[in-house]
Amino acid sequence: MKVHLRLDNSEDADPASRAPLGDMLSAADGVLSAALEKLARPGILPQAAEISVTLLSLEEMEEQNRLHRGLPEPTDVLSFPLWEEDGEFRPEKGMPVLPLGDIVICPDYVRKNTPTEQAFLEEMALMIAHGFLHLLAWDHDTDERRTAMEAAQETIRRALLDAAAESGKGGVEQ
């Protein structure tokens, strides 16, 4: 299983928000591929999957949060899964590449809550991990599910940070 992350930037998003994420996003394909193989039921996935990651400005994220959740304020991350049905991950079979959905992140919102560049990267890794799990129909609506989701997202977050540190490439692949 191979997961490909496609990065989109809104026109209003701060271009500088992409730069520190380059190594992490470059390494995310492998990390999320391994996570998907562990988390999905065997035999339901094609050989490849795709996730769209979009970075939005505070204003754009506020609009998306208002439209989709009815909350007139920005947030850190939103996920739009394509294969969630009745709280379960049920992807369509027979597709050569399975689009998992969209993760929308507001780096400006994340940055205002992090005192250092390292803390920003750690929080962005958490946003990717959290959004990814929502694409697989994971949720935190009960104590039991929240505990399981927090453990899984921490494993993915740490793997993203470790892979980014190892790659050290610096650029963002699109």
C-alpha atoms as a PDB file:
ATOM      1  CA  MET A   1       0.000   0.000   0.000  1.00  0.00           C
ATOM      2  CA  LYS A   2       1.334   3.402  -0.984  1.00  0.00           C
ATOM      3  CA  VAL A   3      -0.215   6.652   0.247  1.00  0.00           C
ATOM      4  CA  HIS A   4       0.488   9.836  -1.682  1.00  0.00           C
ATOM      5  CA  LEU A   5      -0.048  13.210  -0.032  1.00  0.00           C
ATOM      6  CA  ARG A   6      -1.011  16.040  -2.357  1.00  0.00           C
ATOM      7  CA  LEU A   7      -0.346  19.490  -0.885  1.00  0.00           C
ATOM      8  CA  ASP A   8      -2.462  22.462  -1.880  1.00  0.00           C
ATOM      9  CA  ASN A   9      -2.016  25.991  -0.619  1.00  0.00           C
ATOM     10  CA  SER A  10      -4.750  28.556  -0.730  1.00  0.00           C
ATOM     11  CA  GLU A  11      -3.788  31.826  -2.339  1.00  0.00           C
ATOM     12  CA  ASP A  12      -4.200  33.578   1.009  1.00  0.00           C
ATOM     13  CA  ALA A  13      -2.143  31.135   3.075  1.00  0.00           C
ATOM     14  CA  ASP A  14       1.245  32.337   4.222  1.00  0.00           C
ATOM     15  CA  PRO A  15       3.851  30.822   1.858  1.00  0.00           C
ATOM     16  CA  ALA A  16       6.302  30.681   4.753  1.00  0.00           C
ATOM     17  CA  SER A  17       4.023  28.165   6.464  1.00  0.00           C
ATOM     18  CA  ARG A  18       5.040  25.556   3.872  1.00  0.00           C
ATOM     19  CA  ALA A  19       8.789  25.829   4.302  1.00  0.00           C
ATOM     20  CA  PRO A  20       9.213  24.197   7.736  1.00  0.00           C
ATOM     21  CA  LEU A  21       6.826  21.417   6.781  1.00  0.00           C
ATOM     22  CA  GLY A  22       8.812  20.237   3.768  1.00  0.00           C
ATOM     23  CA  ASP A  23      10.681  17.364   5.385  1.00  0.00           C
ATOM     24  CA  MET A  24       7.604  16.160   7.242  1.00  0.00           C
ATOM     25  CA  LEU A  25       5.352  16.223   4.194  1.00  0.00           C
ATOM     26  CA  SER A  26       8.014  14.534   2.078  1.00  0.00           C
ATOM     27  CA  ALA A  27       8.275  11.744   4.644  1.00  0.00           C
ATOM     28  CA  ALA A  28       4.527  11.512   5.312  1.00  0.00           C
ATOM     29  CA  ASP A  29       3.788   9.226   2.364  1.00  0.00           C
ATOM     30  CA  GLY A  30       5.770   6.369   3.892  1.00  0.00           C
ATOM     31  CA  VAL A  31       4.564   6.959   7.444  1.00  0.00           C
ATOM     32  CA  LEU A  32       0.904   7.110   6.451  1.00  0.00           C
ATOM     33  CA  SER A  33       1.290   4.100   4.153  1.00  0.00           C
ATOM     34  CA  ALA A  34       2.570   2.015   7.066  1.00  0.00           C
ATOM     35  CA  ALA A  35      -0.152   3.334   9.365  1.00  0.00           C
ATOM     36  CA  LEU A  36      -2.879   2.592   6.840  1.00  0.00           C
ATOM     37  CA  GLU A  37      -1.722  -0.988   6.441  1.00  0.00           C
ATOM     38  CA  LYS A  38      -1.875  -1.458  10.224  1.00  0.00           C
ATOM     39  CA  LEU A  39      -5.200   0.281  10.737  1.00  0.00           C
ATOM     40  CA  ALA A  40      -7.336  -0.901   7.807  1.00  0.00           C
ATOM     41  CA  ARG A  41      -8.962  -4.288   7.544  1.00  0.00           C
ATOM     42  CA  PRO A  42      -6.900  -6.605   5.323  1.00  0.00           C
ATOM     43  CA  GLY A  43      -8.046  -6.992   1.747  1.00  0.00           C
ATOM     44  CA  ILE A  44     -10.118  -3.808   1.476  1.00  0.00           C
ATOM     45  CA  LEU A  45      -7.461  -1.458   0.106  1.00  0.00           C
ATOM     46  CA  PRO A  46      -5.993  -1.043  -3.365  1.00  0.00           C
ATOM     47  CA  GLN A  47      -2.259  -0.691  -3.937  1.00  0.00           C
ATOM     48  CA  ALA A  48      -2.378   3.103  -3.697  1.00  0.00           C
ATOM     49  CA  ALA A  49      -4.296   5.810  -1.850  1.00  0.00           C
ATOM     50  CA  GLU A  50      -4.261   9.583  -2.025  1.00  0.00           C
ATOM     51  CA  ILE A  51      -4.860  12.288   0.559  1.00  0.00           C
ATOM     52  CA  SER A  52      -5.233  15.974  -0.180  1.00  0.00           C
ATOM     53  CA  VAL A  53      -3.706  18.313   2.406  1.00  0.00           C
ATOM     54  CA  THR A  54      -4.669  21.969   2.098  1.00  0.00           C
ATOM     55  CA  LEU A  55      -3.166  24.818   4.092  1.00  0.00           C
ATOM     56  CA  LEU A  56      -5.583  27.708   4.675  1.00  0.00           C
ATOM     57  CA  SER A  57      -5.350  31.201   6.110  1.00  0.00           C
ATOM     58  CA  LEU A  58      -7.169  32.070   9.337  1.00  0.00           C
ATOM     59  CA  GLU A  59      -9.983  33.729   7.401  1.00  0.00           C
ATOM     60  CA  GLU A  60     -10.438  30.773   5.041  1.00  0.00           C
ATOM     61  CA  MET A  61     -10.398  28.293   7.917  1.00  0.00           C
ATOM     62  CA  GLU A  62     -12.977  30.338   9.792  1.00  0.00           C
ATOM     63  CA  GLU A  63     -15.217  30.202   6.712  1.00  0.00           C
ATOM     64  CA  GLN A  64     -14.759  26.418   6.348  1.00  0.00           C
ATOM     65  CA  ASN A  65     -15.440  25.843  10.042  1.00  0.00           C
ATOM     66  CA  ARG A  66     -18.589  27.969   9.809  1.00  0.00           C
ATOM     67  CA  LEU A  67     -19.799  26.177   6.683  1.00  0.00           C
ATOM     68  CA  HIS A  68     -19.135  22.632   7.856  1.00  0.00           C
ATOM     69  CA  ARG A  69     -19.478  22.769  11.627  1.00  0.00           C
ATOM     70  CA  GLY A  70     -21.549  25.894  12.214  1.00  0.00           C
ATOM     71  CA  LEU A  71     -18.806  27.486  14.319  1.00  0.00           C
ATOM     72  CA  PRO A  72     -17.882  31.087  13.370  1.00  0.00           C
ATOM     73  CA  GLU A  73     -14.224  30.808  14.355  1.00  0.00           C
ATOM     74  CA  PRO A  74     -11.055  29.366  12.888  1.00  0.00           C
ATOM     75  CA  THR A  75      -9.802  25.970  14.009  1.00  0.00           C
ATOM     76  CA  ASP A  76      -6.574  24.030  13.585  1.00  0.00           C
ATOM     77  CA  VAL A  77      -7.684  21.082  11.420  1.00  0.00           C
ATOM     78  CA  LEU A  78     -10.730  19.802   9.567  1.00  0.00           C
ATOM     79  CA  SER A  79     -11.085  16.445   7.843  1.00  0.00           C
ATOM     80  CA  PHE A  80     -13.389  15.449   5.030  1.00  0.00           C
ATOM     81  CA  PRO A  81     -13.445  11.644   4.723  1.00  0.00           C
ATOM     82  CA  LEU A  82     -14.800  10.090   1.558  1.00  0.00           C
ATOM     83  CA  TRP A  83     -15.467   6.580   2.876  1.00  0.00           C
ATOM     84  CA  GLU A  84     -17.048   6.966   6.291  1.00  0.00           C
ATOM     85  CA  GLU A  85     -20.409   5.285   6.615  1.00  0.00           C
ATOM     86  CA  ASP A  86     -22.174   4.877   9.946  1.00  0.00           C
ATOM     87  CA  GLY A  87     -18.917   5.604  11.770  1.00  0.00           C
ATOM     88  CA  GLU A  88     -16.972   2.929   9.869  1.00  0.00           C
ATOM     89  CA  PHE A  89     -14.321   3.094   7.165  1.00  0.00           C
ATOM     90  CA  ARG A  90     -15.938   1.512   4.095  1.00  0.00           C
ATOM     91  CA  PRO A  91     -13.933   2.265   0.964  1.00  0.00           C
ATOM     92  CA  GLU A  92     -15.178   1.367  -2.478  1.00  0.00           C
ATOM     93  CA  LYS A  93     -13.522  -1.735  -3.891  1.00  0.00           C
ATOM     94  CA  GLY A  94     -11.861  -2.050  -7.285  1.00  0.00           C
ATOM     95  CA  MET A  95     -10.340   1.425  -7.544  1.00  0.00           C
ATOM     96  CA  PRO A  96      -6.689   1.554  -8.676  1.00  0.00           C
ATOM     97  CA  VAL A  97      -6.056   4.606  -6.456  1.00  0.00           C
ATOM     98  CA  LEU A  98      -8.316   5.224  -3.490  1.00  0.00           C
ATOM     99  CA  PRO A  99      -8.853   8.894  -2.629  1.00  0.00           C
ATOM    100  CA  LEU A 100      -9.192   8.912   1.163  1.00  0.00           C
ATOM    101  CA  GLY A 101     -10.323  12.524   1.487  1.00  0.00           C
ATOM    102  CA  ASP A 102      -9.098  15.959   2.466  1.00  0.00           C
ATOM    103  CA  ILE A 103      -7.244  17.293   5.482  1.00  0.00           C
ATOM    104  CA  VAL A 104      -7.466  21.075   5.857  1.00  0.00           C
ATOM    105  CA  ILE A 105      -4.981  22.717   8.231  1.00  0.00           C
ATOM    106  CA  CYS A 106      -4.562  26.330   9.316  1.00  0.00           C
ATOM    107  CA  PRO A 107      -0.831  26.791  10.033  1.00  0.00           C
ATOM    108  CA  ASP A 108      -1.416  30.344  11.319  1.00  0.00           C
ATOM    109  CA  TYR A 109      -3.824  29.019  13.949  1.00  0.00           C
ATOM    110  CA  VAL A 110      -1.370  26.285  14.933  1.00  0.00           C
ATOM    111  CA  ARG A 111       1.555  28.728  14.991  1.00  0.00           C
ATOM    112  CA  LYS A 112      -0.171  31.190  17.355  1.00  0.00           C
ATOM    113  CA  ASN A 113      -0.442  28.404  19.939  1.00  0.00           C
ATOM    114  CA  THR A 114       3.161  27.206  19.695  1.00  0.00           C
ATOM    115  CA  PRO A 115       6.090  29.128  21.220  1.00  0.00           C
ATOM    116  CA  THR A 116       8.910  27.631  19.116  1.00  0.00           C
ATOM    117  CA  GLU A 117       9.500  26.307  15.620  1.00  0.00           C
ATOM    118  CA  GLN A 118       9.956  22.790  17.017  1.00  0.00           C
ATOM    119  CA  ALA A 119       6.652  23.016  18.888  1.00  0.00           C
ATOM    120  CA  PHE A 120       5.005  24.210  15.656  1.00  0.00           C
ATOM    121  CA  LEU A 121       6.330  21.192  13.747  1.00  0.00           C
ATOM    122  CA  GLU A 122       5.227  18.832  16.502  1.00  0.00           C
ATOM    123  CA  GLU A 123       1.739  20.314  16.476  1.00  0.00           C
ATOM    124  CA  MET A 124       1.550  20.195  12.665  1.00  0.00           C
ATOM    125  CA  ALA A 125       2.504  16.502  12.800  1.00  0.00           C
ATOM    126  CA  LEU A 126      -0.333  16.035  15.277  1.00  0.00           C
ATOM    127  CA  MET A 127      -2.748  17.813  12.908  1.00  0.00           C
ATOM    128  CA  ILE A 128      -1.759  15.511  10.032  1.00  0.00           C
ATOM    129  CA  ALA A 129      -2.084  12.416  12.236  1.00  0.00           C
ATOM    130  CA  HIS A 130      -5.423  13.558  13.675  1.00  0.00           C
ATOM    131  CA  GLY A 131      -6.842  14.426  10.265  1.00  0.00           C
ATOM    132  CA  PHE A 132      -5.596  11.147   8.788  1.00  0.00           C
ATOM    133  CA  LEU A 133      -7.354   9.098  11.466  1.00  0.00           C
ATOM    134  CA  HIS A 134     -10.607  10.960  10.846  1.00  0.00           C
ATOM    135  CA  LEU A 135     -10.302   9.991   7.151  1.00  0.00           C
ATOM    136  CA  LEU A 136     -10.332   6.373   8.350  1.00  0.00           C
ATOM    137  CA  ALA A 137     -13.508   6.989  10.398  1.00  0.00           C
ATOM    138  CA  TRP A 138     -11.704   7.206  13.743  1.00  0.00           C
ATOM    139  CA  ASP A 139     -13.406   9.563  16.180  1.00  0.00           C
ATOM    140  CA  HIS A 140     -13.118  10.900  19.717  1.00  0.00           C
ATOM    141  CA  ASP A 141     -16.809  11.034  20.597  1.00  0.00           C
ATOM    142  CA  THR A 142     -16.547   8.635  23.563  1.00  0.00           C
ATOM    143  CA  ASP A 143     -13.876   8.189  26.227  1.00  0.00           C
ATOM    144  CA  GLU A 144     -12.898   4.787  24.831  1.00  0.00           C
ATOM    145  CA  ARG A 145     -12.631   6.013  21.243  1.00  0.00           C
ATOM    146  CA  ARG A 146     -10.800   9.189  22.337  1.00  0.00           C
ATOM    147  CA  THR A 147      -8.216   7.147  24.232  1.00  0.00           C
ATOM    148  CA  ALA A 148      -7.649   4.851  21.237  1.00  0.00           C
ATOM    149  CA  MET A 149      -7.452   7.769  18.815  1.00  0.00           C
ATOM    150  CA  GLU A 150      -5.004   9.693  20.994  1.00  0.00           C
ATOM    151  CA  ALA A 151      -2.716   6.662  21.222  1.00  0.00           C
ATOM    152  CA  ALA A 152      -2.817   6.064  17.453  1.00  0.00           C
ATOM    153  CA  GLN A 153      -2.275   9.709  16.584  1.00  0.00           C
ATOM    154  CA  GLU A 154       0.672   9.942  18.972  1.00  0.00           C
ATOM    155  CA  THR A 155       2.291   6.932  17.265  1.00  0.00           C
ATOM    156  CA  ILE A 156       1.771   8.521  13.836  1.00  0.00           C
ATOM    157  CA  ARG A 157       2.884  11.971  15.062  1.00  0.00           C
ATOM    158  CA  ARG A 158       6.128  10.569  16.437  1.00  0.00           C
ATOM    159  CA  ALA A 159       6.764   8.573  13.230  1.00  0.00           C
ATOM    160  CA  LEU A 160       6.189  11.719  11.129  1.00  0.00           C
ATOM    161  CA  LEU A 161       8.667  13.710  13.212  1.00  0.00           C
ATOM    162  CA  ASP A 162      11.244  10.899  13.180  1.00  0.00           C
ATOM    163  CA  ALA A 163      10.930  10.413   9.415  1.00  0.00           C
ATOM    164  CA  ALA A 164      11.212  14.159   8.811  1.00  0.00           C
ATOM    165  CA  ALA A 165      14.351  14.344  10.936  1.00  0.00           C
ATOM    166  CA  GLU A 166      15.866  11.428   9.013  1.00  0.00           C
ATOM    167  CA  SER A 167      15.016  12.765   5.559  1.00  0.00           C
ATOM    168  CA  GLY A 168      16.321  16.289   6.058  1.00  0.00           C
ATOM    169  CA  LYS A 169      15.490  17.134   2.448  1.00  0.00           C
ATOM    170  CA  GLY A 170      13.949  20.518   3.099  1.00  0.00           C
ATOM    171  CA  GLY A 171      11.594  20.913   0.110  1.00  0.00           C
ATOM    172  CA  VAL A 172       7.923  20.215  -0.196  1.00  0.00           C
ATOM    173  CA  GLU A 173       6.880  17.723  -2.870  1.00  0.00           C
ATOM    174  CA  GLN A 174       3.714  18.410  -4.733  1.00  0.00           C
END
